[in-house]
Amino acid sequence: MIYEVLYVKITLIQAIEVVDLDQQTKMVAELDGHIMRCVRDQNGNHVIQKCIECIPQESIQFIISSFYDHVVTLSTHPYGCRVIQVRVCLTHSSSCNYFIQKCTKYGYELILFLGCVCFSFYS
């Protein structure tokens, strides 16, 4: 079963890299309503990252919008943090500022969380 999921992930990522914008938009539209599930998934988060990297923001606004109320939660999630990182690092827009402001606002809580994770990991 895991190999099937992994194969689908690899196939989707490769397709997103090579098809034209119209096809990308149609493929990504299939994810609508499942974004948070994908972000929290070991394989699905890679697909979302590739969408953010390769597809213009106006075509994936529904993906970006789904993060708005979950920035802090995703920032502390093992897979979600990677998606937030890609979102912040690769995009320069006003919505990117929203993510940075949210992380800054809750920075102390994030630092405490990361400290607890590191402490429990290394102890």
PDB file of N, CA and C in Angstrom:
ATOM      1  N   MET A   1       0.827  -1.207   0.000  1.00  0.00           N
ATOM      2  CA  MET A   1       0.000   0.000   0.000  1.00  0.00           C
ATOM      3  C   MET A   1       0.862   1.258   0.000  1.00  0.00           C
ATOM      4  N   ILE A   2       1.898   1.314   0.848  1.00  0.00           N
ATOM      5  CA  ILE A   2       2.741   2.507   0.922  1.00  0.00           C
ATOM      6  C   ILE A   2       3.444   2.755  -0.408  1.00  0.00           C
ATOM      7  N   TYR A   3       3.774   1.691  -1.130  1.00  0.00           N
ATOM      8  CA  TYR A   3       4.435   1.856  -2.412  1.00  0.00           C
ATOM      9  C   TYR A   3       3.499   2.493  -3.434  1.00  0.00           C
ATOM     10  N   GLU A   4       2.210   2.153  -3.362  1.00  0.00           N
ATOM     11  CA  GLU A   4       1.235   2.766  -4.250  1.00  0.00           C
ATOM     12  C   GLU A   4       1.131   4.265  -3.979  1.00  0.00           C
ATOM     13  N   VAL A   5       1.074   4.635  -2.706  1.00  0.00           N
ATOM     14  CA  VAL A   5       0.978   6.041  -2.331  1.00  0.00           C
ATOM     15  C   VAL A   5       2.236   6.779  -2.760  1.00  0.00           C
ATOM     16  N   LEU A   6       3.383   6.178  -2.537  1.00  0.00           N
ATOM     17  CA  LEU A   6       4.650   6.786  -2.929  1.00  0.00           C
ATOM     18  C   LEU A   6       4.713   6.960  -4.442  1.00  0.00           C
ATOM     19  N   TYR A   7       4.250   5.970  -5.181  1.00  0.00           N
ATOM     20  CA  TYR A   7       4.248   6.050  -6.640  1.00  0.00           C
ATOM     21  C   TYR A   7       3.348   7.183  -7.129  1.00  0.00           C
ATOM     22  N   VAL A   8       2.188   7.320  -6.505  1.00  0.00           N
ATOM     23  CA  VAL A   8       1.267   8.405  -6.876  1.00  0.00           C
ATOM     24  C   VAL A   8       1.919   9.755  -6.603  1.00  0.00           C
ATOM     25  N   LYS A   9       2.592   9.885  -5.468  1.00  0.00           N
ATOM     26  CA  LYS A   9       3.268  11.139  -5.120  1.00  0.00           C
ATOM     27  C   LYS A   9       4.316  11.474  -6.167  1.00  0.00           C
ATOM     28  N   ILE A  10       5.149  10.519  -6.500  1.00  0.00           N
ATOM     29  CA  ILE A  10       6.215  10.756  -7.477  1.00  0.00           C
ATOM     30  C   ILE A  10       5.629  11.115  -8.829  1.00  0.00           C
ATOM     31  N   THR A  11       4.577  10.413  -9.230  1.00  0.00           N
ATOM     32  CA  THR A  11       3.930  10.688 -10.511  1.00  0.00           C
ATOM     33  C   THR A  11       3.337  12.097 -10.534  1.00  0.00           C
ATOM     34  N   LEU A  12       2.648  12.482  -9.469  1.00  0.00           N
ATOM     35  CA  LEU A  12       2.064  13.825  -9.400  1.00  0.00           C
ATOM     36  C   LEU A  12       3.137  14.909  -9.447  1.00  0.00           C
ATOM     37  N   ILE A  13       4.202  14.716  -8.697  1.00  0.00           N
ATOM     38  CA  ILE A  13       5.274  15.709  -8.662  1.00  0.00           C
ATOM     39  C   ILE A  13       5.907  15.855 -10.036  1.00  0.00           C
ATOM     40  N   GLN A  14       6.171  14.741 -10.702  1.00  0.00           N
ATOM     41  CA  GLN A  14       6.764  14.802 -12.039  1.00  0.00           C
ATOM     42  C   GLN A  14       5.819  15.471 -13.026  1.00  0.00           C
ATOM     43  N   ALA A  15       4.532  15.159 -12.925  1.00  0.00           N
ATOM     44  CA  ALA A  15       3.552  15.768 -13.828  1.00  0.00           C
ATOM     45  C   ALA A  15       3.472  17.272 -13.609  1.00  0.00           C
ATOM     46  N   ILE A  16       3.449  17.702 -12.355  1.00  0.00           N
ATOM     47  CA  ILE A  16       3.369  19.133 -12.049  1.00  0.00           C
ATOM     48  C   ILE A  16       4.559  19.880 -12.646  1.00  0.00           C
ATOM     49  N   GLU A  17       5.702  19.227 -12.683  1.00  0.00           N
ATOM     50  CA  GLU A  17       6.915  19.865 -13.211  1.00  0.00           C
ATOM     51  C   GLU A  17       6.896  20.032 -14.727  1.00  0.00           C
ATOM     52  N   VAL A  18       6.168  19.187 -15.455  1.00  0.00           N
ATOM     53  CA  VAL A  18       6.290  19.196 -16.918  1.00  0.00           C
ATOM     54  C   VAL A  18       5.053  19.631 -17.695  1.00  0.00           C
ATOM     55  N   VAL A  19       3.869  19.543 -17.108  1.00  0.00           N
ATOM     56  CA  VAL A  19       2.667  19.906 -17.864  1.00  0.00           C
ATOM     57  C   VAL A  19       2.484  21.422 -17.896  1.00  0.00           C
ATOM     58  N   ASP A  20       1.652  21.882 -18.815  1.00  0.00           N
ATOM     59  CA  ASP A  20       1.413  23.319 -18.931  1.00  0.00           C
ATOM     60  C   ASP A  20       0.508  23.806 -17.801  1.00  0.00           C
ATOM     61  N   LEU A  21       0.385  25.110 -17.671  1.00  0.00           N
ATOM     62  CA  LEU A  21      -0.349  25.720 -16.560  1.00  0.00           C
ATOM     63  C   LEU A  21      -1.800  25.266 -16.511  1.00  0.00           C
ATOM     64  N   ASP A  22      -2.438  25.123 -17.667  1.00  0.00           N
ATOM     65  CA  ASP A  22      -3.834  24.692 -17.692  1.00  0.00           C
ATOM     66  C   ASP A  22      -3.984  23.303 -17.071  1.00  0.00           C
ATOM     67  N   GLN A  23      -3.107  22.392 -17.425  1.00  0.00           N
ATOM     68  CA  GLN A  23      -3.142  21.043 -16.856  1.00  0.00           C
ATOM     69  C   GLN A  23      -2.791  21.057 -15.371  1.00  0.00           C
ATOM     70  N   GLN A  24      -1.808  21.875 -14.998  1.00  0.00           N
ATOM     71  CA  GLN A  24      -1.448  21.994 -13.587  1.00  0.00           C
ATOM     72  C   GLN A  24      -2.655  22.439 -12.770  1.00  0.00           C
ATOM     73  N   THR A  25      -3.348  23.438 -13.281  1.00  0.00           N
ATOM     74  CA  THR A  25      -4.514  23.987 -12.581  1.00  0.00           C
ATOM     75  C   THR A  25      -5.597  22.926 -12.416  1.00  0.00           C
ATOM     76  N   LYS A  26      -5.828  22.138 -13.461  1.00  0.00           N
ATOM     77  CA  LYS A  26      -6.835  21.077 -13.374  1.00  0.00           C
ATOM     78  C   LYS A  26      -6.422  20.000 -12.381  1.00  0.00           C
ATOM     79  N   MET A  27      -5.149  19.632 -12.392  1.00  0.00           N
ATOM     80  CA  MET A  27      -4.667  18.603 -11.469  1.00  0.00           C
ATOM     81  C   MET A  27      -4.782  19.075 -10.021  1.00  0.00           C
ATOM     82  N   VAL A  28      -4.361  20.301  -9.775  1.00  0.00           N
ATOM     83  CA  VAL A  28      -4.355  20.836  -8.414  1.00  0.00           C
ATOM     84  C   VAL A  28      -5.778  21.046  -7.906  1.00  0.00           C
ATOM     85  N   ALA A  29      -6.704  21.344  -8.798  1.00  0.00           N
ATOM     86  CA  ALA A  29      -8.099  21.535  -8.387  1.00  0.00           C
ATOM     87  C   ALA A  29      -8.661  20.280  -7.732  1.00  0.00           C
ATOM     88  N   GLU A  30      -8.135  19.122  -8.093  1.00  0.00           N
ATOM     89  CA  GLU A  30      -8.574  17.865  -7.490  1.00  0.00           C
ATOM     90  C   GLU A  30      -8.218  17.785  -6.001  1.00  0.00           C
ATOM     91  N   LEU A  31      -7.243  18.581  -5.585  1.00  0.00           N
ATOM     92  CA  LEU A  31      -6.829  18.581  -4.180  1.00  0.00           C
ATOM     93  C   LEU A  31      -7.725  19.446  -3.302  1.00  0.00           C
ATOM     94  N   ASP A  32      -8.545  20.276  -3.915  1.00  0.00           N
ATOM     95  CA  ASP A  32      -9.396  21.189  -3.156  1.00  0.00           C
ATOM     96  C   ASP A  32     -10.261  20.403  -2.166  1.00  0.00           C
ATOM     97  N   GLY A  33     -10.227  20.824  -0.924  1.00  0.00           N
ATOM     98  CA  GLY A  33     -10.954  20.139   0.137  1.00  0.00           C
ATOM     99  C   GLY A  33     -10.117  19.097   0.868  1.00  0.00           C
ATOM    100  N   HIS A  34      -8.914  18.844   0.357  1.00  0.00           N
ATOM    101  CA  HIS A  34      -8.039  17.834   0.953  1.00  0.00           C
ATOM    102  C   HIS A  34      -6.656  18.399   1.290  1.00  0.00           C
ATOM    103  N   ILE A  35      -6.532  19.706   1.266  1.00  0.00           N
ATOM    104  CA  ILE A  35      -5.220  20.338   1.437  1.00  0.00           C
ATOM    105  C   ILE A  35      -4.608  20.016   2.793  1.00  0.00           C
ATOM    106  N   MET A  36      -5.342  20.228   3.864  1.00  0.00           N
ATOM    107  CA  MET A  36      -4.785  20.012   5.200  1.00  0.00           C
ATOM    108  C   MET A  36      -4.418  18.544   5.416  1.00  0.00           C
ATOM    109  N   ARG A  37      -5.200  17.661   4.872  1.00  0.00           N
ATOM    110  CA  ARG A  37      -4.874  16.228   4.961  1.00  0.00           C
ATOM    111  C   ARG A  37      -3.565  15.931   4.234  1.00  0.00           C
ATOM    112  N   CYS A  38      -3.385  16.533   3.063  1.00  0.00           N
ATOM    113  CA  CYS A  38      -2.147  16.343   2.299  1.00  0.00           C
ATOM    114  C   CYS A  38      -0.943  16.929   3.032  1.00  0.00           C
ATOM    115  N   VAL A  39      -1.115  18.115   3.570  1.00  0.00           N
ATOM    116  CA  VAL A  39      -0.012  18.790   4.262  1.00  0.00           C
ATOM    117  C   VAL A  39       0.481  17.956   5.439  1.00  0.00           C
ATOM    118  N   ARG A  40      -0.423  17.305   6.127  1.00  0.00           N
ATOM    119  CA  ARG A  40      -0.065  16.517   7.306  1.00  0.00           C
ATOM    120  C   ARG A  40       0.367  15.089   6.965  1.00  0.00           C
ATOM    121  N   ASP A  41       0.369  14.759   5.691  1.00  0.00           N
ATOM    122  CA  ASP A  41       0.705  13.412   5.255  1.00  0.00           C
ATOM    123  C   ASP A  41       2.172  13.321   4.841  1.00  0.00           C
ATOM    124  N   GLN A  42       2.784  12.191   5.148  1.00  0.00           N
ATOM    125  CA  GLN A  42       4.201  11.969   4.855  1.00  0.00           C
ATOM    126  C   GLN A  42       4.511  12.147   3.366  1.00  0.00           C
ATOM    127  N   ASN A  43       3.624  11.715   2.509  1.00  0.00           N
ATOM    128  CA  ASN A  43       3.841  11.843   1.068  1.00  0.00           C
ATOM    129  C   ASN A  43       3.123  13.056   0.478  1.00  0.00           C
ATOM    130  N   GLY A  44       1.941  13.343   0.985  1.00  0.00           N
ATOM    131  CA  GLY A  44       1.144  14.438   0.436  1.00  0.00           C
ATOM    132  C   GLY A  44       1.790  15.795   0.586  1.00  0.00           C
ATOM    133  N   ASN A  45       2.568  16.012   1.643  1.00  0.00           N
ATOM    134  CA  ASN A  45       3.179  17.325   1.853  1.00  0.00           C
ATOM    135  C   ASN A  45       4.153  17.662   0.730  1.00  0.00           C
ATOM    136  N   HIS A  46       4.775  16.652   0.139  1.00  0.00           N
ATOM    137  CA  HIS A  46       5.695  16.898  -0.975  1.00  0.00           C
ATOM    138  C   HIS A  46       4.945  17.408  -2.212  1.00  0.00           C
ATOM    139  N   VAL A  47       3.750  16.893  -2.415  1.00  0.00           N
ATOM    140  CA  VAL A  47       2.921  17.344  -3.541  1.00  0.00           C
ATOM    141  C   VAL A  47       2.542  18.810  -3.352  1.00  0.00           C
ATOM    142  N   ILE A  48       2.122  19.166  -2.144  1.00  0.00           N
ATOM    143  CA  ILE A  48       1.749  20.558  -1.861  1.00  0.00           C
ATOM    144  C   ILE A  48       2.963  21.473  -2.022  1.00  0.00           C
ATOM    145  N   GLN A  49       4.127  21.042  -1.546  1.00  0.00           N
ATOM    146  CA  GLN A  49       5.340  21.838  -1.711  1.00  0.00           C
ATOM    147  C   GLN A  49       5.628  22.076  -3.184  1.00  0.00           C
ATOM    148  N   LYS A  50       5.487  21.040  -4.007  1.00  0.00           N
ATOM    149  CA  LYS A  50       5.760  21.173  -5.438  1.00  0.00           C
ATOM    150  C   LYS A  50       4.759  22.118  -6.092  1.00  0.00           C
ATOM    151  N   CYS A  51       3.520  22.080  -5.651  1.00  0.00           N
ATOM    152  CA  CYS A  51       2.517  23.019  -6.177  1.00  0.00           C
ATOM    153  C   CYS A  51       2.938  24.457  -5.884  1.00  0.00           C
ATOM    154  N   ILE A  52       3.390  24.704  -4.666  1.00  0.00           N
ATOM    155  CA  ILE A  52       3.817  26.048  -4.271  1.00  0.00           C
ATOM    156  C   ILE A  52       5.042  26.472  -5.077  1.00  0.00           C
ATOM    157  N   GLU A  53       5.945  25.544  -5.334  1.00  0.00           N
ATOM    158  CA  GLU A  53       7.169  25.850  -6.073  1.00  0.00           C
ATOM    159  C   GLU A  53       6.921  26.117  -7.551  1.00  0.00           C
ATOM    160  N   CYS A  54       5.990  25.386  -8.170  1.00  0.00           N
ATOM    161  CA  CYS A  54       5.887  25.387  -9.634  1.00  0.00           C
ATOM    162  C   CYS A  54       4.683  26.117 -10.221  1.00  0.00           C
ATOM    163  N   ILE A  55       3.670  26.338  -9.442  1.00  0.00           N
ATOM    164  CA  ILE A  55       2.428  26.892  -9.984  1.00  0.00           C
ATOM    165  C   ILE A  55       2.243  28.314  -9.477  1.00  0.00           C
ATOM    166  N   PRO A  56       1.880  29.234 -10.369  1.00  0.00           N
ATOM    167  CA  PRO A  56       1.666  30.634  -9.940  1.00  0.00           C
ATOM    168  C   PRO A  56       0.632  30.734  -8.817  1.00  0.00           C
ATOM    169  N   GLN A  57       0.884  31.662  -7.915  1.00  0.00           N
ATOM    170  CA  GLN A  57       0.056  31.806  -6.724  1.00  0.00           C
ATOM    171  C   GLN A  57      -1.419  31.998  -7.042  1.00  0.00           C
ATOM    172  N   GLU A  58      -1.735  32.737  -8.079  1.00  0.00           N
ATOM    173  CA  GLU A  58      -3.148  32.971  -8.388  1.00  0.00           C
ATOM    174  C   GLU A  58      -3.879  31.677  -8.763  1.00  0.00           C
ATOM    175  N   SER A  59      -3.154  30.669  -9.199  1.00  0.00           N
ATOM    176  CA  SER A  59      -3.774  29.386  -9.544  1.00  0.00           C
ATOM    177  C   SER A  59      -3.909  28.445  -8.352  1.00  0.00           C
ATOM    178  N   ILE A  60      -3.198  28.742  -7.271  1.00  0.00           N
ATOM    179  CA  ILE A  60      -3.259  27.880  -6.079  1.00  0.00           C
ATOM    180  C   ILE A  60      -3.691  28.658  -4.841  1.00  0.00           C
ATOM    181  N   GLN A  61      -4.430  29.740  -5.045  1.00  0.00           N
ATOM    182  CA  GLN A  61      -4.845  30.564  -3.915  1.00  0.00           C
ATOM    183  C   GLN A  61      -5.652  29.765  -2.891  1.00  0.00           C
ATOM    184  N   PHE A  62      -6.427  28.783  -3.345  1.00  0.00           N
ATOM    185  CA  PHE A  62      -7.197  27.968  -2.406  1.00  0.00           C
ATOM    186  C   PHE A  62      -6.278  27.149  -1.492  1.00  0.00           C
ATOM    187  N   ILE A  63      -5.088  26.798  -1.982  1.00  0.00           N
ATOM    188  CA  ILE A  63      -4.117  26.088  -1.138  1.00  0.00           C
ATOM    189  C   ILE A  63      -3.572  27.041  -0.080  1.00  0.00           C
ATOM    190  N   ILE A  64      -3.138  28.209  -0.527  1.00  0.00           N
ATOM    191  CA  ILE A  64      -2.563  29.210   0.379  1.00  0.00           C
ATOM    192  C   ILE A  64      -3.592  29.619   1.437  1.00  0.00           C
ATOM    193  N   SER A  65      -4.826  29.845   1.012  1.00  0.00           N
ATOM    194  CA  SER A  65      -5.880  30.276   1.936  1.00  0.00           C
ATOM    195  C   SER A  65      -6.165  29.233   3.011  1.00  0.00           C
ATOM    196  N   SER A  66      -5.992  27.972   2.674  1.00  0.00           N
ATOM    197  CA  SER A  66      -6.283  26.931   3.664  1.00  0.00           C
ATOM    198  C   SER A  66      -5.297  26.930   4.818  1.00  0.00           C
ATOM    199  N   PHE A  67      -4.146  27.584   4.653  1.00  0.00           N
ATOM    200  CA  PHE A  67      -3.139  27.650   5.719  1.00  0.00           C
ATOM    201  C   PHE A  67      -3.408  28.767   6.714  1.00  0.00           C
ATOM    202  N   TYR A  68      -4.197  29.776   6.345  1.00  0.00           N
ATOM    203  CA  TYR A  68      -4.301  31.004   7.116  1.00  0.00           C
ATOM    204  C   TYR A  68      -4.611  30.807   8.595  1.00  0.00           C
ATOM    205  N   ASP A  69      -5.540  29.949   8.919  1.00  0.00           N
ATOM    206  CA  ASP A  69      -5.907  29.764  10.315  1.00  0.00           C
ATOM    207  C   ASP A  69      -5.093  28.670  11.006  1.00  0.00           C
ATOM    208  N   HIS A  70      -4.104  28.128  10.300  1.00  0.00           N
ATOM    209  CA  HIS A  70      -3.356  26.989  10.830  1.00  0.00           C
ATOM    210  C   HIS A  70      -1.848  27.191  10.799  1.00  0.00           C
ATOM    211  N   VAL A  71      -1.397  28.425  10.676  1.00  0.00           N
ATOM    212  CA  VAL A  71       0.035  28.691  10.527  1.00  0.00           C
ATOM    213  C   VAL A  71       0.842  28.145  11.701  1.00  0.00           C
ATOM    214  N   VAL A  72       0.413  28.438  12.908  1.00  0.00           N
ATOM    215  CA  VAL A  72       1.168  27.999  14.087  1.00  0.00           C
ATOM    216  C   VAL A  72       1.107  26.483  14.216  1.00  0.00           C
ATOM    217  N   THR A  73      -0.061  25.907  14.048  1.00  0.00           N
ATOM    218  CA  THR A  73      -0.212  24.457  14.137  1.00  0.00           C
ATOM    219  C   THR A  73       0.656  23.755  13.101  1.00  0.00           C
ATOM    220  N   LEU A  74       0.615  24.241  11.873  1.00  0.00           N
ATOM    221  CA  LEU A  74       1.427  23.622  10.821  1.00  0.00           C
ATOM    222  C   LEU A  74       2.915  23.837  11.059  1.00  0.00           C
ATOM    223  N   SER A  75       3.258  24.971  11.633  1.00  0.00           N
ATOM    224  CA  SER A  75       4.674  25.265  11.899  1.00  0.00           C
ATOM    225  C   SER A  75       5.277  24.307  12.918  1.00  0.00           C
ATOM    226  N   THR A  76       4.438  23.696  13.724  1.00  0.00           N
ATOM    227  CA  THR A  76       4.935  22.750  14.723  1.00  0.00           C
ATOM    228  C   THR A  76       4.681  21.299  14.332  1.00  0.00           C
ATOM    229  N   HIS A  77       4.179  21.095  13.140  1.00  0.00           N
ATOM    230  CA  HIS A  77       3.906  19.740  12.652  1.00  0.00           C
ATOM    231  C   HIS A  77       5.115  19.237  11.856  1.00  0.00           C
ATOM    232  N   PRO A  78       5.484  17.956  11.977  1.00  0.00           N
ATOM    233  CA  PRO A  78       6.681  17.436  11.293  1.00  0.00           C
ATOM    234  C   PRO A  78       6.682  17.629   9.779  1.00  0.00           C
ATOM    235  N   TYR A  79       5.513  17.543   9.145  1.00  0.00           N
ATOM    236  CA  TYR A  79       5.445  17.730   7.690  1.00  0.00           C
ATOM    237  C   TYR A  79       4.929  19.119   7.338  1.00  0.00           C
ATOM    238  N   GLY A  80       4.001  19.618   8.139  1.00  0.00           N
ATOM    239  CA  GLY A  80       3.426  20.936   7.889  1.00  0.00           C
ATOM    240  C   GLY A  80       4.468  22.045   7.926  1.00  0.00           C
ATOM    241  N   CYS A  81       5.465  21.897   8.808  1.00  0.00           N
ATOM    242  CA  CYS A  81       6.496  22.932   8.913  1.00  0.00           C
ATOM    243  C   CYS A  81       7.276  23.064   7.610  1.00  0.00           C
ATOM    244  N   ARG A  82       7.433  21.973   6.894  1.00  0.00           N
ATOM    245  CA  ARG A  82       8.150  22.024   5.610  1.00  0.00           C
ATOM    246  C   ARG A  82       7.348  22.790   4.564  1.00  0.00           C
ATOM    247  N   VAL A  83       6.045  22.594   4.587  1.00  0.00           N
ATOM    248  CA  VAL A  83       5.181  23.309   3.646  1.00  0.00           C
ATOM    249  C   VAL A  83       5.192  24.803   3.951  1.00  0.00           C
ATOM    250  N   ILE A  84       5.086  25.168   5.229  1.00  0.00           N
ATOM    251  CA  ILE A  84       5.134  26.578   5.620  1.00  0.00           C
ATOM    252  C   ILE A  84       6.482  27.176   5.236  1.00  0.00           C
ATOM    253  N   GLN A  85       7.554  26.440   5.437  1.00  0.00           N
ATOM    254  CA  GLN A  85       8.888  26.930   5.078  1.00  0.00           C
ATOM    255  C   GLN A  85       8.979  27.214   3.589  1.00  0.00           C
ATOM    256  N   VAL A  86       8.506  26.302   2.767  1.00  0.00           N
ATOM    257  CA  VAL A  86       8.531  26.506   1.316  1.00  0.00           C
ATOM    258  C   VAL A  86       7.685  27.710   0.954  1.00  0.00           C
ATOM    259  N   ARG A  87       6.533  27.844   1.592  1.00  0.00           N
ATOM    260  CA  ARG A  87       5.628  28.964   1.323  1.00  0.00           C
ATOM    261  C   ARG A  87       6.308  30.295   1.623  1.00  0.00           C
ATOM    262  N   VAL A  88       6.974  30.380   2.750  1.00  0.00           N
ATOM    263  CA  VAL A  88       7.614  31.632   3.153  1.00  0.00           C
ATOM    264  C   VAL A  88       8.866  31.894   2.313  1.00  0.00           C
ATOM    265  N   CYS A  89       9.663  30.883   2.073  1.00  0.00           N
ATOM    266  CA  CYS A  89      10.940  31.074   1.374  1.00  0.00           C
ATOM    267  C   CYS A  89      10.786  31.347  -0.117  1.00  0.00           C
ATOM    268  N   LEU A  90       9.777  30.778  -0.750  1.00  0.00           N
ATOM    269  CA  LEU A  90       9.677  30.884  -2.200  1.00  0.00           C
ATOM    270  C   LEU A  90       8.716  31.947  -2.690  1.00  0.00           C
ATOM    271  N   THR A  91       7.955  32.512  -1.814  1.00  0.00           N
ATOM    272  CA  THR A  91       6.930  33.446  -2.254  1.00  0.00           C
ATOM    273  C   THR A  91       7.170  34.817  -1.649  1.00  0.00           C
ATOM    274  N   HIS A  92       7.090  35.813  -2.486  1.00  0.00           N
ATOM    275  CA  HIS A  92       7.248  37.193  -2.019  1.00  0.00           C
ATOM    276  C   HIS A  92       5.963  37.940  -2.361  1.00  0.00           C
ATOM    277  N   SER A  93       5.086  38.025  -1.378  1.00  0.00           N
ATOM    278  CA  SER A  93       3.806  38.686  -1.605  1.00  0.00           C
ATOM    279  C   SER A  93       3.250  39.145  -0.266  1.00  0.00           C
ATOM    280  N   SER A  94       2.107  39.804  -0.326  1.00  0.00           N
ATOM    281  CA  SER A  94       1.489  40.278   0.905  1.00  0.00           C
ATOM    282  C   SER A  94       1.000  39.113   1.759  1.00  0.00           C
ATOM    283  N   SER A  95       0.560  38.018   1.123  1.00  0.00           N
ATOM    284  CA  SER A  95       0.122  36.876   1.927  1.00  0.00           C
ATOM    285  C   SER A  95       1.300  36.205   2.614  1.00  0.00           C
ATOM    286  N   CYS A  96       2.480  36.320   2.029  1.00  0.00           N
ATOM    287  CA  CYS A  96       3.684  35.797   2.673  1.00  0.00           C
ATOM    288  C   CYS A  96       3.937  36.559   3.965  1.00  0.00           C
ATOM    289  N   ASN A  97       3.714  37.856   3.950  1.00  0.00           N
ATOM    290  CA  ASN A  97       3.867  38.662   5.162  1.00  0.00           C
ATOM    291  C   ASN A  97       2.929  38.186   6.263  1.00  0.00           C
ATOM    292  N   TYR A  98       1.743  37.739   5.887  1.00  0.00           N
ATOM    293  CA  TYR A  98       0.788  37.211   6.862  1.00  0.00           C
ATOM    294  C   TYR A  98       1.395  36.027   7.616  1.00  0.00           C
ATOM    295  N   PHE A  99       2.024  35.116   6.889  1.00  0.00           N
ATOM    296  CA  PHE A  99       2.629  33.939   7.511  1.00  0.00           C
ATOM    297  C   PHE A  99       3.757  34.342   8.450  1.00  0.00           C
ATOM    298  N   ILE A 100       4.565  35.272   8.019  1.00  0.00           N
ATOM    299  CA  ILE A 100       5.686  35.724   8.840  1.00  0.00           C
ATOM    300  C   ILE A 100       5.170  36.410  10.102  1.00  0.00           C
ATOM    301  N   GLN A 101       4.144  37.246   9.969  1.00  0.00           N
ATOM    302  CA  GLN A 101       3.575  37.928  11.127  1.00  0.00           C
ATOM    303  C   GLN A 101       2.982  36.935  12.128  1.00  0.00           C
ATOM    304  N   LYS A 102       2.299  35.911  11.619  1.00  0.00           N
ATOM    305  CA  LYS A 102       1.728  34.895  12.507  1.00  0.00           C
ATOM    306  C   LYS A 102       2.827  34.166  13.260  1.00  0.00           C
ATOM    307  N   CYS A 103       3.884  33.784  12.554  1.00  0.00           N
ATOM    308  CA  CYS A 103       4.988  33.078  13.200  1.00  0.00           C
ATOM    309  C   CYS A 103       5.690  33.975  14.211  1.00  0.00           C
ATOM    310  N   THR A 104       5.822  35.253  13.879  1.00  0.00           N
ATOM    311  CA  THR A 104       6.447  36.205  14.797  1.00  0.00           C
ATOM    312  C   THR A 104       5.577  36.401  16.033  1.00  0.00           C
ATOM    313  N   LYS A 105       4.264  36.533  15.833  1.00  0.00           N
ATOM    314  CA  LYS A 105       3.339  36.742  16.938  1.00  0.00           C
ATOM    315  C   LYS A 105       3.392  35.582  17.924  1.00  0.00           C
ATOM    316  N   TYR A 106       3.497  34.379  17.408  1.00  0.00           N
ATOM    317  CA  TYR A 106       3.516  33.196  18.267  1.00  0.00           C
ATOM    318  C   TYR A 106       4.914  32.610  18.402  1.00  0.00           C
ATOM    319  N   GLY A 107       5.909  33.430  18.133  1.00  0.00           N
ATOM    320  CA  GLY A 107       7.298  32.972  18.151  1.00  0.00           C
ATOM    321  C   GLY A 107       7.711  32.356  19.463  1.00  0.00           C
ATOM    322  N   TYR A 108       7.316  32.965  20.572  1.00  0.00           N
ATOM    323  CA  TYR A 108       7.693  32.454  21.890  1.00  0.00           C
ATOM    324  C   TYR A 108       7.150  31.043  22.088  1.00  0.00           C
ATOM    325  N   GLU A 109       5.871  30.828  21.735  1.00  0.00           N
ATOM    326  CA  GLU A 109       5.271  29.505  21.867  1.00  0.00           C
ATOM    327  C   GLU A 109       5.968  28.503  20.968  1.00  0.00           C
ATOM    328  N   LEU A 110       6.335  28.931  19.752  1.00  0.00           N
ATOM    329  CA  LEU A 110       7.040  28.032  18.836  1.00  0.00           C
ATOM    330  C   LEU A 110       8.412  27.663  19.384  1.00  0.00           C
ATOM    331  N   ILE A 111       9.104  28.633  19.962  1.00  0.00           N
ATOM    332  CA  ILE A 111      10.425  28.356  20.534  1.00  0.00           C
ATOM    333  C   ILE A 111      10.289  27.385  21.708  1.00  0.00           C
ATOM    334  N   LEU A 112       9.289  27.583  22.567  1.00  0.00           N
ATOM    335  CA  LEU A 112       9.068  26.653  23.677  1.00  0.00           C
ATOM    336  C   LEU A 112       8.768  25.250  23.165  1.00  0.00           C
ATOM    337  N   PHE A 113       7.927  25.175  22.136  1.00  0.00           N
ATOM    338  CA  PHE A 113       7.588  23.875  21.565  1.00  0.00           C
ATOM    339  C   PHE A 113       8.837  23.190  21.021  1.00  0.00           C
ATOM    340  N   LEU A 114       9.623  23.918  20.248  1.00  0.00           N
ATOM    341  CA  LEU A 114      10.830  23.340  19.670  1.00  0.00           C
ATOM    342  C   LEU A 114      11.823  22.941  20.751  1.00  0.00           C
ATOM    343  N   GLY A 115      11.900  23.740  21.812  1.00  0.00           N
ATOM    344  CA  GLY A 115      12.776  23.385  22.929  1.00  0.00           C
ATOM    345  C   GLY A 115      12.343  22.084  23.580  1.00  0.00           C
ATOM    346  N   CYS A 116      11.047  21.903  23.760  1.00  0.00           N
ATOM    347  CA  CYS A 116      10.539  20.663  24.353  1.00  0.00           C
ATOM    348  C   CYS A 116      10.807  19.476  23.436  1.00  0.00           C
ATOM    349  N   VAL A 117      10.626  19.671  22.140  1.00  0.00           N
ATOM    350  CA  VAL A 117      10.865  18.581  21.187  1.00  0.00           C
ATOM    351  C   VAL A 117      12.338  18.194  21.215  1.00  0.00           C
ATOM    352  N   CYS A 118      13.216  19.186  21.166  1.00  0.00           N
ATOM    353  CA  CYS A 118      14.657  18.901  21.173  1.00  0.00           C
ATOM    354  C   CYS A 118      15.066  18.242  22.483  1.00  0.00           C
ATOM    355  N   PHE A 119      14.530  18.724  23.597  1.00  0.00           N
ATOM    356  CA  PHE A 119      14.876  18.163  24.896  1.00  0.00           C
ATOM    357  C   PHE A 119      14.460  16.697  24.981  1.00  0.00           C
ATOM    358  N   SER A 120      13.225  16.403  24.548  1.00  0.00           N
ATOM    359  CA  SER A 120      12.751  15.027  24.646  1.00  0.00           C
ATOM    360  C   SER A 120      13.460  14.131  23.635  1.00  0.00           C
ATOM    361  N   PHE A 121      13.883  14.688  22.507  1.00  0.00           N
ATOM    362  CA  PHE A 121      14.577  13.904  21.488  1.00  0.00           C
ATOM    363  C   PHE A 121      15.972  13.535  21.947  1.00  0.00           C
ATOM    364  N   TYR A 122      16.670  14.474  22.583  1.00  0.00           N
ATOM    365  CA  TYR A 122      18.055  14.228  22.958  1.00  0.00           C
ATOM    366  C   TYR A 122      18.231  13.709  24.387  1.00  0.00           C
ATOM    367  N   SER A 123      17.152  13.606  25.144  1.00  0.00           N
ATOM    368  CA  SER A 123      17.306  13.128  26.530  1.00  0.00           C
ATOM    369  C   SER A 123      17.023  11.650  26.650  1.00  0.00           C
TER     370      SER A 123
END
